[in-house]
Amino acid sequence: MTVHHLTLGHVSDDALMTRMFDLVQNGKEGSIESSQIDAEIYARLLETYGAEGETTSDRHAA
């Protein structure tokens, strides 16, 4: 299974994490696909939890 960057926004969190795990297990953690998945996971974490040092009230005040 290859996850293409253009479709990552429609892939579930579970599927992203499963694919990342598979890539790492197979020694492909430096691949373009793993970098794309990593960036998508990081973007989702930022969207959910905000930037470092930002509080929940800071996010809702904007």
N, C-alpha and C. Protein backbone atom coordinates (compact mmCIF):
# COMPACT_ATOMS: atom_id res chain seq x y z
N MET A 1 0.85 -1.19 0.00
CA MET A 1 0.00 0.00 0.00
C MET A 1 0.88 1.24 0.00
N THR A 2 0.64 2.13 -0.91
CA THR A 2 1.35 3.40 -0.95
C THR A 2 0.36 4.52 -0.74
N VAL A 3 0.65 5.40 0.20
CA VAL A 3 -0.21 6.54 0.46
C VAL A 3 0.39 7.73 -0.27
N HIS A 4 -0.37 8.34 -1.18
CA HIS A 4 0.12 9.48 -1.93
C HIS A 4 -0.20 10.76 -1.20
N HIS A 5 0.73 11.72 -1.26
CA HIS A 5 0.61 12.98 -0.54
C HIS A 5 -0.71 13.70 -0.82
N LEU A 6 -1.16 13.68 -2.06
CA LEU A 6 -2.37 14.42 -2.40
C LEU A 6 -3.61 13.89 -1.70
N THR A 7 -3.60 12.65 -1.27
CA THR A 7 -4.78 12.05 -0.65
C THR A 7 -4.64 11.91 0.87
N LEU A 8 -3.58 12.37 1.45
CA LEU A 8 -3.36 12.16 2.89
C LEU A 8 -4.44 12.82 3.75
N GLY A 9 -5.00 13.91 3.28
CA GLY A 9 -6.04 14.59 4.06
C GLY A 9 -7.29 13.75 4.24
N HIS A 10 -7.47 12.74 3.40
CA HIS A 10 -8.65 11.89 3.46
C HIS A 10 -8.37 10.54 4.11
N VAL A 11 -7.16 10.35 4.59
CA VAL A 11 -6.76 9.09 5.21
C VAL A 11 -6.95 9.21 6.72
N SER A 12 -7.52 8.18 7.33
CA SER A 12 -7.76 8.23 8.77
C SER A 12 -6.45 8.24 9.56
N ASP A 13 -6.54 8.72 10.79
CA ASP A 13 -5.37 8.73 11.68
C ASP A 13 -4.83 7.32 11.85
N ASP A 14 -5.73 6.36 12.05
CA ASP A 14 -5.32 4.96 12.25
C ASP A 14 -4.54 4.43 11.04
N ALA A 15 -5.04 4.74 9.84
CA ALA A 15 -4.37 4.26 8.63
C ALA A 15 -3.00 4.89 8.47
N LEU A 16 -2.88 6.19 8.79
CA LEU A 16 -1.57 6.85 8.71
C LEU A 16 -0.58 6.22 9.68
N MET A 17 -1.01 6.00 10.91
CA MET A 17 -0.11 5.43 11.90
C MET A 17 0.27 3.99 11.54
N THR A 18 -0.68 3.23 11.03
CA THR A 18 -0.39 1.86 10.62
C THR A 18 0.62 1.83 9.48
N ARG A 19 0.43 2.71 8.49
CA ARG A 19 1.36 2.76 7.36
C ARG A 19 2.74 3.19 7.82
N MET A 20 2.81 4.19 8.73
CA MET A 20 4.10 4.65 9.24
C MET A 20 4.80 3.51 9.97
N PHE A 21 4.06 2.78 10.78
CA PHE A 21 4.63 1.62 11.48
C PHE A 21 5.18 0.60 10.49
N ASP A 22 4.40 0.31 9.44
CA ASP A 22 4.85 -0.65 8.42
C ASP A 22 6.14 -0.19 7.75
N LEU A 23 6.21 1.10 7.41
CA LEU A 23 7.41 1.63 6.76
C LEU A 23 8.63 1.50 7.66
N VAL A 24 8.48 1.84 8.92
CA VAL A 24 9.59 1.75 9.87
C VAL A 24 10.01 0.30 10.07
N GLN A 25 9.04 -0.58 10.20
CA GLN A 25 9.34 -2.01 10.38
C GLN A 25 10.13 -2.56 9.19
N ASN A 26 9.90 -2.00 8.00
CA ASN A 26 10.57 -2.48 6.80
C ASN A 26 11.79 -1.65 6.43
N GLY A 27 12.26 -0.81 7.36
CA GLY A 27 13.48 -0.05 7.13
C GLY A 27 13.33 1.09 6.14
N LYS A 28 12.13 1.60 5.96
CA LYS A 28 11.89 2.65 4.97
C LYS A 28 11.55 3.99 5.64
N GLU A 29 12.08 4.20 6.84
CA GLU A 29 11.74 5.43 7.56
C GLU A 29 12.30 6.69 6.91
N GLY A 30 13.24 6.56 5.99
CA GLY A 30 13.80 7.72 5.31
C GLY A 30 13.19 7.97 3.94
N SER A 31 12.15 7.23 3.60
CA SER A 31 11.55 7.35 2.27
C SER A 31 10.72 8.62 2.13
N ILE A 32 10.42 8.97 0.89
CA ILE A 32 9.56 10.13 0.62
C ILE A 32 8.18 9.90 1.23
N GLU A 33 7.66 8.70 1.09
CA GLU A 33 6.34 8.39 1.65
C GLU A 33 6.31 8.59 3.15
N SER A 34 7.34 8.11 3.85
CA SER A 34 7.36 8.27 5.31
C SER A 34 7.47 9.74 5.70
N SER A 35 8.21 10.53 4.92
CA SER A 35 8.33 11.96 5.19
C SER A 35 6.98 12.66 5.00
N GLN A 36 6.24 12.26 3.98
CA GLN A 36 4.93 12.84 3.73
C GLN A 36 3.96 12.48 4.85
N ILE A 37 3.98 11.23 5.25
CA ILE A 37 3.10 10.79 6.33
C ILE A 37 3.48 11.49 7.63
N ASP A 38 4.78 11.60 7.90
CA ASP A 38 5.24 12.28 9.10
C ASP A 38 4.75 13.73 9.12
N ALA A 39 4.84 14.41 8.00
CA ALA A 39 4.39 15.80 7.92
C ALA A 39 2.88 15.90 8.17
N GLU A 40 2.12 14.96 7.63
CA GLU A 40 0.67 14.97 7.83
C GLU A 40 0.32 14.69 9.29
N ILE A 41 0.99 13.74 9.91
CA ILE A 41 0.75 13.43 11.32
C ILE A 41 1.09 14.65 12.17
N TYR A 42 2.21 15.29 11.90
CA TYR A 42 2.63 16.47 12.66
C TYR A 42 1.62 17.60 12.49
N ALA A 43 1.14 17.81 11.26
CA ALA A 43 0.15 18.86 11.01
C ALA A 43 -1.14 18.59 11.78
N ARG A 44 -1.54 17.34 11.84
CA ARG A 44 -2.75 16.99 12.59
C ARG A 44 -2.57 17.19 14.08
N LEU A 45 -1.38 16.86 14.58
CA LEU A 45 -1.10 17.10 16.00
C LEU A 45 -1.15 18.59 16.32
N LEU A 46 -0.54 19.40 15.46
CA LEU A 46 -0.58 20.86 15.66
C LEU A 46 -2.01 21.38 15.61
N GLU A 47 -2.79 20.86 14.68
CA GLU A 47 -4.17 21.29 14.56
C GLU A 47 -4.97 20.94 15.81
N THR A 48 -4.69 19.78 16.36
CA THR A 48 -5.42 19.31 17.53
C THR A 48 -4.93 19.95 18.82
N TYR A 49 -3.62 20.02 19.00
CA TYR A 49 -3.06 20.46 20.27
C TYR A 49 -2.41 21.83 20.23
N GLY A 50 -2.20 22.39 19.06
CA GLY A 50 -1.59 23.71 18.94
C GLY A 50 -0.08 23.66 19.00
N ALA A 51 0.51 24.83 18.82
CA ALA A 51 1.96 24.96 18.86
C ALA A 51 2.47 24.86 20.29
N GLU A 52 3.74 24.54 20.42
CA GLU A 52 4.37 24.42 21.73
C GLU A 52 4.22 25.74 22.49
N GLY A 53 3.78 25.66 23.73
CA GLY A 53 3.64 26.84 24.56
C GLY A 53 2.30 27.53 24.41
N GLU A 54 1.51 27.14 23.43
CA GLU A 54 0.19 27.72 23.22
C GLU A 54 -0.80 27.00 24.12
N THR A 55 -1.64 27.73 24.78
CA THR A 55 -2.64 27.11 25.65
C THR A 55 -3.95 26.96 24.90
N THR A 56 -4.84 26.18 25.45
CA THR A 56 -6.15 25.98 24.84
C THR A 56 -6.88 27.31 24.71
N SER A 57 -6.81 28.15 25.70
CA SER A 57 -7.49 29.44 25.64
C SER A 57 -6.91 30.34 24.56
N ASP A 58 -5.59 30.23 24.30
CA ASP A 58 -4.97 31.02 23.22
C ASP A 58 -5.56 30.62 21.86
N ARG A 59 -5.77 29.33 21.64
CA ARG A 59 -6.29 28.86 20.37
C ARG A 59 -7.72 29.31 20.15
N HIS A 60 -8.52 29.32 21.22
CA HIS A 60 -9.92 29.68 21.08
C HIS A 60 -10.13 31.18 21.05
N ALA A 61 -9.15 31.94 21.49
CA ALA A 61 -9.27 33.40 21.49
C ALA A 61 -9.10 33.99 20.11
N ALA A 62 -8.43 33.28 19.23
CA ALA A 62 -8.14 33.81 17.88
C ALA A 62 -9.34 33.83 16.98
